[in-house]
Protein backbone atom coordinates (compact mmCIF):
# COMPACT_ATOMS: atom_id res chain seq x y z
CA UNK A 1 104.40 66.43 72.45
CA UNK A 2 104.37 67.46 76.10
CA UNK A 3 103.74 71.03 77.16
CA UNK A 4 106.12 73.24 79.14
CA UNK A 5 104.52 74.55 82.32
CA UNK A 6 107.18 76.37 84.36
CA UNK A 7 109.85 79.01 83.71
CA UNK A 8 112.42 79.39 86.49
CA UNK A 9 114.57 82.54 86.83
CA UNK A 10 117.83 82.41 88.81
CA UNK A 11 119.85 85.65 89.02
CA UNK A 12 123.58 85.13 88.55
CA UNK A 13 125.99 86.30 91.29
CA UNK A 14 123.19 88.54 92.46
CA UNK A 15 124.64 90.69 95.27
CA UNK A 16 127.94 91.16 93.45
CA UNK A 17 126.17 91.99 90.18
CA UNK A 18 124.13 94.68 91.95
CA UNK A 19 127.34 96.21 93.31
CA UNK A 20 128.83 96.20 89.81
CA UNK A 21 125.71 97.89 88.46
CA UNK A 22 125.92 100.59 91.12
CA UNK A 23 129.67 101.07 90.64
CA UNK A 24 130.64 100.89 86.95
CA UNK A 25 134.36 100.85 87.82
CA UNK A 26 133.87 97.34 89.28
CA UNK A 27 132.43 95.84 86.10
CA UNK A 28 134.53 93.01 84.68
CA UNK A 29 136.50 92.74 87.93
CA UNK A 30 136.48 90.02 90.63
CA UNK A 31 134.25 91.18 93.49
CA UNK A 32 133.36 89.55 96.79
CA UNK A 33 130.54 90.74 99.04
CA UNK A 34 131.07 90.21 102.77
CA UNK A 35 128.96 90.90 105.88
CA UNK A 36 131.81 92.84 107.52
CA UNK A 37 135.31 93.91 106.52
CA UNK A 38 137.30 91.33 108.49
CA UNK A 39 139.33 88.33 107.33
CA UNK A 40 137.53 85.98 109.71
CA UNK A 41 134.21 86.18 107.91
CA UNK A 42 133.16 84.61 104.60
CA UNK A 43 131.96 85.81 101.21
CA UNK A 44 128.17 85.87 100.94
CA UNK A 45 128.44 86.46 97.19
CA UNK A 46 131.10 86.41 94.49
CA UNK A 47 131.00 88.01 91.07
CA UNK A 48 131.15 85.93 87.91
CA UNK A 49 134.79 86.99 87.50
CA UNK A 50 135.69 85.94 91.08
CA UNK A 51 134.02 82.55 90.62
CA UNK A 52 136.47 81.77 87.82
CA UNK A 53 139.19 81.75 90.50
CA UNK A 54 137.25 79.37 92.73
CA UNK A 55 135.70 81.97 95.05
CA UNK A 56 132.08 81.18 95.86
CA UNK A 57 129.43 81.76 98.51
CA UNK A 58 130.82 80.59 101.84
CA UNK A 59 134.51 81.00 100.93
CA UNK A 60 136.42 82.47 103.88
CA UNK A 61 137.85 85.91 103.14
CA UNK A 62 141.42 84.81 103.78
CA UNK A 63 140.93 81.95 101.30
CA UNK A 64 139.30 84.26 98.75
CA UNK A 65 142.36 86.55 98.89
CA UNK A 66 144.63 83.54 98.34
CA UNK A 67 142.57 82.16 95.45
CA UNK A 68 142.09 85.55 93.82
CA UNK A 69 144.76 88.08 94.93
CA UNK A 70 143.07 90.91 93.04
CA UNK A 71 139.61 90.40 94.52
CA UNK A 72 137.76 93.56 95.58
CA UNK A 73 135.87 93.06 98.82
CA UNK A 74 132.75 95.10 99.56
CA UNK A 75 130.58 95.24 102.66
CA UNK A 76 127.04 94.13 101.87
CA UNK A 77 124.24 96.66 101.38
CA UNK A 78 121.01 94.69 101.95
CA UNK A 79 118.74 97.67 101.30
CA UNK A 80 120.13 97.99 97.78
CA UNK A 81 119.65 94.28 97.07
CA UNK A 82 116.02 94.41 98.16
CA UNK A 83 115.40 97.51 96.04
CA UNK A 84 116.92 95.82 93.00
CA UNK A 85 114.89 92.70 93.73
CA UNK A 86 111.71 94.73 93.58
CA UNK A 87 112.80 96.25 90.27
CA UNK A 88 113.58 92.78 88.88
CA UNK A 89 110.14 91.45 89.81
CA UNK A 90 108.58 94.44 88.04
CA UNK A 91 110.79 93.84 85.00
CA UNK A 92 109.73 90.20 84.78
CA UNK A 93 106.08 91.11 85.27
CA UNK A 94 106.29 93.30 82.16
CA UNK A 95 106.75 90.10 80.15
CA UNK A 96 105.09 87.37 82.21
CA UNK A 97 103.42 87.39 85.65
CA UNK A 98 105.65 86.14 88.46
CA UNK A 99 103.79 83.22 90.01
CA UNK A 100 105.99 82.94 93.10
CA UNK A 101 109.07 84.66 94.51
CA UNK A 102 111.18 81.89 96.01
CA UNK A 103 114.12 83.95 97.29
CA UNK A 104 115.91 87.24 96.83
CA UNK A 105 117.38 85.94 93.55
CA UNK A 106 114.92 83.28 92.41
CA UNK A 107 111.38 83.36 91.06
CA UNK A 108 109.14 81.19 88.93
CA UNK A 109 106.50 81.90 86.30
CA UNK A 110 103.74 79.56 85.17
CA UNK A 111 103.25 78.94 81.45
CA UNK A 112 99.86 78.47 79.84
CA UNK A 113 98.14 78.67 76.48
CA UNK A 114 100.47 79.13 73.52
CA UNK A 115 103.36 79.88 75.90
CA UNK A 116 103.61 76.16 76.72
CA UNK A 117 105.07 75.52 73.27
CA UNK A 118 108.84 75.54 73.01
CA UNK A 119 109.20 78.38 70.50
CA UNK A 120 106.99 80.74 72.52
CA UNK A 121 108.67 79.77 75.78
CA UNK A 122 112.10 80.59 74.36
CA UNK A 123 110.83 83.96 73.15
CA UNK A 124 109.53 84.74 76.64
CA UNK A 125 112.82 83.73 78.27
CA UNK A 126 114.84 86.00 76.01
CA UNK A 127 112.38 88.86 76.53
CA UNK A 128 112.69 88.44 80.32
CA UNK A 129 116.48 88.59 80.15
CA UNK A 130 116.28 91.81 78.09
CA UNK A 131 113.68 93.34 80.38
CA UNK A 132 115.81 92.73 83.47
CA UNK A 133 118.84 94.36 81.85
CA UNK A 134 116.85 97.32 80.52
CA UNK A 135 114.58 97.97 83.51
CA UNK A 136 116.49 96.72 86.56
CA UNK A 137 120.23 96.85 85.86
CA UNK A 138 122.44 96.38 82.82
CA UNK A 139 124.94 94.17 84.69
CA UNK A 140 122.24 91.76 85.85
CA UNK A 141 122.08 88.41 84.12
CA UNK A 142 120.00 85.36 84.89
CA UNK A 143 119.89 81.69 84.06
CA UNK A 144 116.45 80.48 82.99
CA UNK A 145 115.19 76.92 83.10
CA UNK A 146 112.01 75.77 81.37
CA UNK A 147 110.31 72.42 81.96
CA UNK A 148 107.00 70.67 82.51
CA UNK A 149 107.02 71.40 86.26
CA UNK A 150 108.70 73.76 88.70
CA UNK A 151 111.09 71.21 90.13
CA UNK A 152 112.61 70.37 86.74
CA UNK A 153 112.66 74.03 85.67
CA UNK A 154 114.80 74.81 88.73
CA UNK A 155 117.10 71.93 87.79
CA UNK A 156 117.35 73.27 84.22
CA UNK A 157 118.27 76.76 85.47
CA UNK A 158 121.31 75.28 87.24
CA UNK A 159 122.59 73.45 84.16
CA UNK A 160 124.04 76.46 82.36
CA UNK A 161 125.53 79.44 84.18
CA UNK A 162 125.90 82.33 83.81
CA UNK A 163 123.20 83.71 81.52
CA UNK A 164 121.93 80.26 80.53
CA UNK A 165 118.71 79.12 78.90
CA UNK A 166 117.99 75.40 79.23
CA UNK A 167 114.83 73.48 78.36
CA UNK A 168 114.00 70.01 79.66
CA UNK A 169 111.18 68.37 77.73
CA UNK A 170 109.15 65.60 79.31
CA UNK A 171 109.87 63.22 76.44
CA UNK A 172 113.60 63.56 77.17
CA UNK A 173 113.17 62.00 80.62
CA UNK A 174 114.77 60.23 82.30
CA UNK A 175 117.78 59.92 79.98
CA UNK A 176 118.42 63.70 80.02
CA UNK A 177 119.07 63.45 83.76
CA UNK A 178 121.54 60.57 83.79
CA UNK A 179 124.59 62.82 83.52
CA UNK A 180 123.72 64.59 86.78
CA UNK A 181 124.55 63.73 90.35
CA UNK A 182 122.04 63.18 93.15
CA UNK A 183 123.05 66.46 94.78
CA UNK A 184 122.13 68.37 91.62
CA UNK A 185 118.46 67.87 92.51
CA UNK A 186 116.91 70.51 94.76
CA UNK A 187 116.02 68.82 98.04
CA UNK A 188 118.87 66.33 98.09
CA UNK A 189 121.42 67.70 100.52
CA UNK A 190 124.20 65.84 102.29
CA UNK A 191 121.87 64.08 104.75
CA UNK A 192 119.41 62.96 102.07
CA UNK A 193 122.27 61.80 99.88
CA UNK A 194 123.44 59.60 102.75
CA UNK A 195 119.96 58.08 102.95
CA UNK A 196 120.12 57.21 99.26
CA UNK A 197 123.58 55.72 99.71
CA UNK A 198 122.40 53.59 102.63
CA UNK A 199 119.66 52.30 100.31
CA UNK A 200 122.28 51.41 97.70
CA UNK A 201 121.42 54.32 95.39
CA UNK A 202 124.45 56.22 94.09
CA UNK A 203 123.40 57.45 90.65
CA UNK A 204 120.46 59.31 89.14
CA UNK A 205 119.80 56.32 86.90
CA UNK A 206 119.38 54.13 89.99
CA UNK A 207 117.09 56.73 91.55
CA UNK A 208 114.79 56.73 88.52
CA UNK A 209 114.55 52.94 88.71
CA UNK A 210 112.99 53.09 92.18
CA UNK A 211 109.30 52.44 92.70
CA UNK A 212 107.02 54.89 94.52
CA UNK A 213 107.04 52.95 97.79
CA UNK A 214 110.83 52.75 97.72
CA UNK A 215 111.20 56.51 97.31
CA UNK A 216 108.65 57.03 100.06
CA UNK A 217 110.70 54.81 102.38
CA UNK A 218 113.94 56.67 101.62
CA UNK A 219 112.34 60.09 102.09
CA UNK A 220 110.46 58.91 105.15
CA UNK A 221 107.01 60.00 104.01
CA UNK A 222 104.72 61.25 101.27
CA UNK A 223 107.44 63.57 99.93
CA UNK A 224 108.94 60.49 98.31
CA UNK A 225 105.77 59.85 96.32
CA UNK A 226 105.59 63.48 95.23
CA UNK A 227 109.24 63.20 94.19
CA UNK A 228 108.48 60.08 92.11
CA UNK A 229 106.03 62.00 89.93
CA UNK A 230 107.96 65.27 89.80
CA UNK A 231 111.19 63.78 88.46
CA UNK A 232 109.07 62.24 85.69
CA UNK A 233 107.80 65.65 84.65
CA UNK A 234 104.34 65.45 86.21
CA UNK A 235 102.73 68.51 87.78
CA UNK A 236 102.07 67.83 91.47
CA UNK A 237 99.83 70.31 93.34
CA UNK A 238 101.84 72.39 95.77
CA UNK A 239 101.48 71.68 99.46
CA UNK A 240 100.28 74.54 101.69
CA UNK A 241 103.28 76.50 102.95
CA UNK A 242 103.82 78.24 106.23
CA UNK A 243 106.67 79.83 108.16
CA UNK A 244 108.50 77.00 109.88
CA UNK A 245 110.90 79.28 111.71
CA UNK A 246 111.60 82.95 112.35
CA UNK A 247 115.03 84.03 113.49
CA UNK A 248 118.13 86.13 113.02
CA UNK A 249 121.89 85.52 113.16
CA UNK A 250 124.88 87.84 113.08
CA UNK A 251 128.65 87.65 112.70
CA UNK A 252 129.99 89.70 115.60
CA UNK A 253 132.20 92.70 114.95
CA UNK A 254 135.66 92.18 116.53
CA UNK A 255 134.86 94.63 119.34
CA UNK A 256 131.79 92.56 120.29
CA UNK A 257 133.48 89.13 120.39
CA UNK A 258 133.20 88.64 124.13
CA UNK A 259 130.42 87.38 126.40
CA UNK A 260 128.95 90.81 127.10
CA UNK A 261 128.91 91.74 123.43
CA UNK A 262 127.45 88.41 122.40
CA UNK A 263 124.67 88.68 124.96
CA UNK A 264 123.76 92.23 123.93
CA UNK A 265 123.65 91.30 120.23
CA UNK A 266 121.62 88.17 121.00
CA UNK A 267 119.05 90.25 122.87
CA UNK A 268 118.92 92.68 119.94
CA UNK A 269 118.33 89.74 117.57
CA UNK A 270 115.71 88.37 119.95
CA UNK A 271 113.76 91.63 119.91
CA UNK A 272 113.87 91.82 116.11
CA UNK A 273 112.71 88.23 115.74
CA UNK A 274 109.94 88.74 118.29
CA UNK A 275 108.68 91.83 116.42
CA UNK A 276 108.64 89.84 113.16
CA UNK A 277 106.78 87.02 114.88
CA UNK A 278 104.04 89.39 116.02
CA UNK A 279 103.94 91.15 112.66
CA UNK A 280 103.25 87.80 110.96
CA UNK A 281 100.67 87.01 113.68
CA UNK A 282 102.32 83.87 115.00
CA UNK A 283 102.73 82.29 118.41
CA UNK A 284 105.66 80.03 119.27
CA UNK A 285 106.47 77.37 121.86
CA UNK A 286 110.20 76.88 121.23
CA UNK A 287 113.27 79.10 121.07
CA UNK A 288 116.83 78.09 120.20
CA UNK A 289 119.79 80.30 121.14
CA UNK A 290 123.19 79.49 119.65
CA UNK A 291 126.77 80.72 119.56
CA UNK A 292 129.52 79.65 117.18
CA UNK A 293 133.16 79.97 118.14
CA UNK A 294 135.95 80.11 115.58
CA UNK A 295 139.26 78.46 116.37
CA UNK A 296 141.61 78.57 113.41
CA UNK A 297 139.67 76.86 110.62
CA UNK A 298 137.42 74.90 112.98
CA UNK A 299 134.05 76.01 114.28
CA UNK A 300 132.37 74.80 117.47
CA UNK A 301 128.72 75.31 118.29
CA UNK A 302 126.91 75.83 121.57
CA UNK A 303 123.13 75.94 121.51
CA UNK A 304 120.32 75.83 124.01
CA UNK A 305 116.73 74.80 123.34
CA UNK A 306 114.04 76.42 125.52
CA UNK A 307 110.34 75.55 125.51
CA UNK A 308 107.35 77.42 126.92
CA UNK A 309 103.58 77.78 126.57
CA UNK A 310 102.38 79.39 123.31
CA UNK A 311 103.22 83.09 123.41
CA UNK A 312 104.43 86.05 121.35
CA UNK A 313 105.50 88.61 123.97
CA UNK A 314 109.06 89.86 124.36
CA UNK A 315 109.26 89.71 128.20
CA UNK A 316 108.56 85.96 128.14
CA UNK A 317 111.25 85.51 125.50
CA UNK A 318 113.71 87.55 127.59
CA UNK A 319 113.07 85.30 130.58
CA UNK A 320 113.58 82.20 128.42
CA UNK A 321 116.77 83.68 126.97
CA UNK A 322 118.17 84.31 130.45
CA UNK A 323 117.56 80.67 131.35
CA UNK A 324 119.40 79.57 128.23
CA UNK A 325 122.30 82.00 128.71
CA UNK A 326 122.96 80.74 132.24
CA UNK A 327 123.87 77.36 130.72
CA UNK A 328 126.59 78.71 128.41
CA UNK A 329 130.06 77.15 128.72
CA UNK A 330 132.74 78.98 130.68
CA UNK A 331 135.16 79.09 127.75
CA UNK A 332 132.70 80.69 125.33
CA UNK A 333 134.56 82.54 122.54
CA UNK A 334 131.72 84.02 120.46
CA UNK A 335 132.13 84.64 116.74
CA UNK A 336 128.59 84.23 115.33
CA UNK A 337 125.35 84.32 117.32
CA UNK A 338 121.74 83.59 116.52
CA UNK A 339 118.25 83.06 117.89
CA UNK A 340 115.29 81.32 116.24
CA UNK A 341 111.66 80.55 117.04
CA UNK A 342 110.23 77.17 116.01
CA UNK A 343 106.87 75.35 116.14
CA UNK A 344 104.95 78.39 114.95
CA UNK A 345 101.17 78.54 114.99
CA UNK A 346 98.80 81.20 113.72
CA UNK A 347 97.22 83.54 116.26
CA UNK A 348 93.87 82.37 114.89
CA UNK A 349 94.60 78.86 116.15
CA UNK A 350 95.68 79.89 119.65
CA UNK A 351 93.56 80.78 122.64
CA UNK A 352 94.29 84.30 123.84
CA UNK A 353 96.22 84.45 127.14
CA UNK A 354 94.08 83.27 130.01
CA UNK A 355 95.93 85.12 132.75
CA UNK A 356 95.73 88.90 132.98
CA UNK A 357 99.52 89.30 133.29
CA UNK A 358 100.14 87.31 130.10
CA UNK A 359 97.67 89.48 128.23
CA UNK A 360 99.37 92.63 129.47
CA UNK A 361 102.80 91.43 128.33
CA UNK A 362 101.51 90.79 124.82
CA UNK A 363 99.80 94.20 124.71
CA UNK A 364 103.02 95.84 125.95
CA UNK A 365 105.08 94.15 123.25
CA UNK A 366 102.66 95.18 120.52
CA UNK A 367 102.64 98.74 121.86
CA UNK A 368 106.44 98.88 121.59
CA UNK A 369 106.20 97.62 118.00
CA UNK A 370 103.69 100.31 117.09
CA UNK A 371 105.69 103.09 118.74
CA UNK A 372 108.80 102.19 116.76
CA UNK A 373 106.78 102.07 113.55
CA UNK A 374 105.27 105.47 114.34
CA UNK A 375 108.28 107.26 115.86
CA UNK A 376 111.23 105.52 114.24
CA UNK A 377 113.76 102.79 114.93
CA UNK A 378 115.16 102.47 118.48
CA UNK A 379 112.80 105.07 119.93
CA UNK A 380 111.48 102.48 122.36
CA UNK A 381 113.31 99.28 123.27
CA UNK A 382 113.95 96.85 126.09
CA UNK A 383 117.05 97.67 128.14
CA UNK A 384 119.01 94.49 127.36
CA UNK A 385 119.78 95.60 123.82
CA UNK A 386 121.02 99.08 124.74
CA UNK A 387 124.71 98.40 124.04
CA UNK A 388 123.94 96.67 120.74
CA UNK A 389 121.41 98.98 119.11
CA UNK A 390 123.63 99.54 116.10
CA UNK A 391 124.64 95.90 115.86
CA UNK A 392 122.86 93.25 113.80
CA UNK A 393 121.83 95.45 110.87
CA UNK A 394 119.49 94.10 108.24
CA UNK A 395 120.66 90.87 106.62
CA UNK A 396 119.01 88.95 103.81
CA UNK A 397 118.32 85.28 104.13
CA UNK A 398 118.02 84.06 100.56
CA UNK A 399 114.58 82.58 101.23
CA UNK A 400 113.25 85.56 103.19
CA UNK A 401 113.07 89.04 101.68
CA UNK A 402 112.79 91.84 104.24
CA UNK A 403 110.05 94.43 104.11
CA UNK A 404 112.19 97.59 103.94
CA UNK A 405 109.55 99.79 105.53
CA UNK A 406 109.18 97.56 108.57
CA UNK A 407 112.79 96.38 108.80
CA UNK A 408 114.04 99.93 109.18
CA UNK A 409 111.90 100.32 112.30
CA UNK A 410 112.68 97.01 114.08
């Protein structure tokens, strides 16, 4: 009999469940968490009760009100969600060490020794659920998936929600998977699904029938071979990970939905992203600035890609941003804005600035970072963000958990 190697924990309706834990009067009621209290934004989380009405992450507020007339909308409180996340990790660690935190509401534990046997694994899963409720928050529930590798344990965690516990044993493969759709597998999004369709693959059964070289061709590389073994329950060594991008985005408050407001918020986002880049000791050669406009139910996107020599200093980024901003369309009607750095490399792999001026700009940027850490947020900043200092508060990308101590000072 095969051994179970991974236990995946997925918190249910996480942000909304935290709000219900903090406010007992909301328990058992449909709740939606939004970035700002306007009808033109979307829900970033929905409680278990709201989901029964069809409200989910990404549902526009106006649609959420139509689907669930009694929904209670709350503005998000990222600091609280990070604090609860930390308590959840501690609660899980009481039972089993967390091997990797994958997002604000997902983590995975490795199983070994007697814990690889089904009875012991089930005991651990139930103990983890109890520990989270007792030590992190009584309204918090999670779905747990257990399997012979991390990929399948994630798949199992999605099979029964909320508060599920699903085990996929290696000897059940592939038949256990045949009732699923391609999109149920982590990593197969809309674009990858189209690739499978172009190859004549429309079902999971057809996918399992593919040979290694065929999966490699569809995926366009070695990922396909890794996929071949993982869906069969094999443990494939993890590839080295690194930050592929650093960035921030923000839904503009109504008063900031004009060119001047959008520019100020973009510069504020730029400075935050630049500080994070330096904190993680990266250089970048590419920046993308984008603005989304909202017309009725349709969204249009303007973006500009700017490239430069490897750097990490804010003045260079400001200059690049100005170049990008000059190319904006005349009819820009900003609703959401964002800026991201790509093609990141470690400082250890980059030659320090050759020219004296470049070195000074990097030292200046680092000095500003240190002053804000020492003196407090917004004590020192570049002038472009002056009118947007209170805009773009902390947001949580599900795959990136902010450091509260540093975030408060950026």
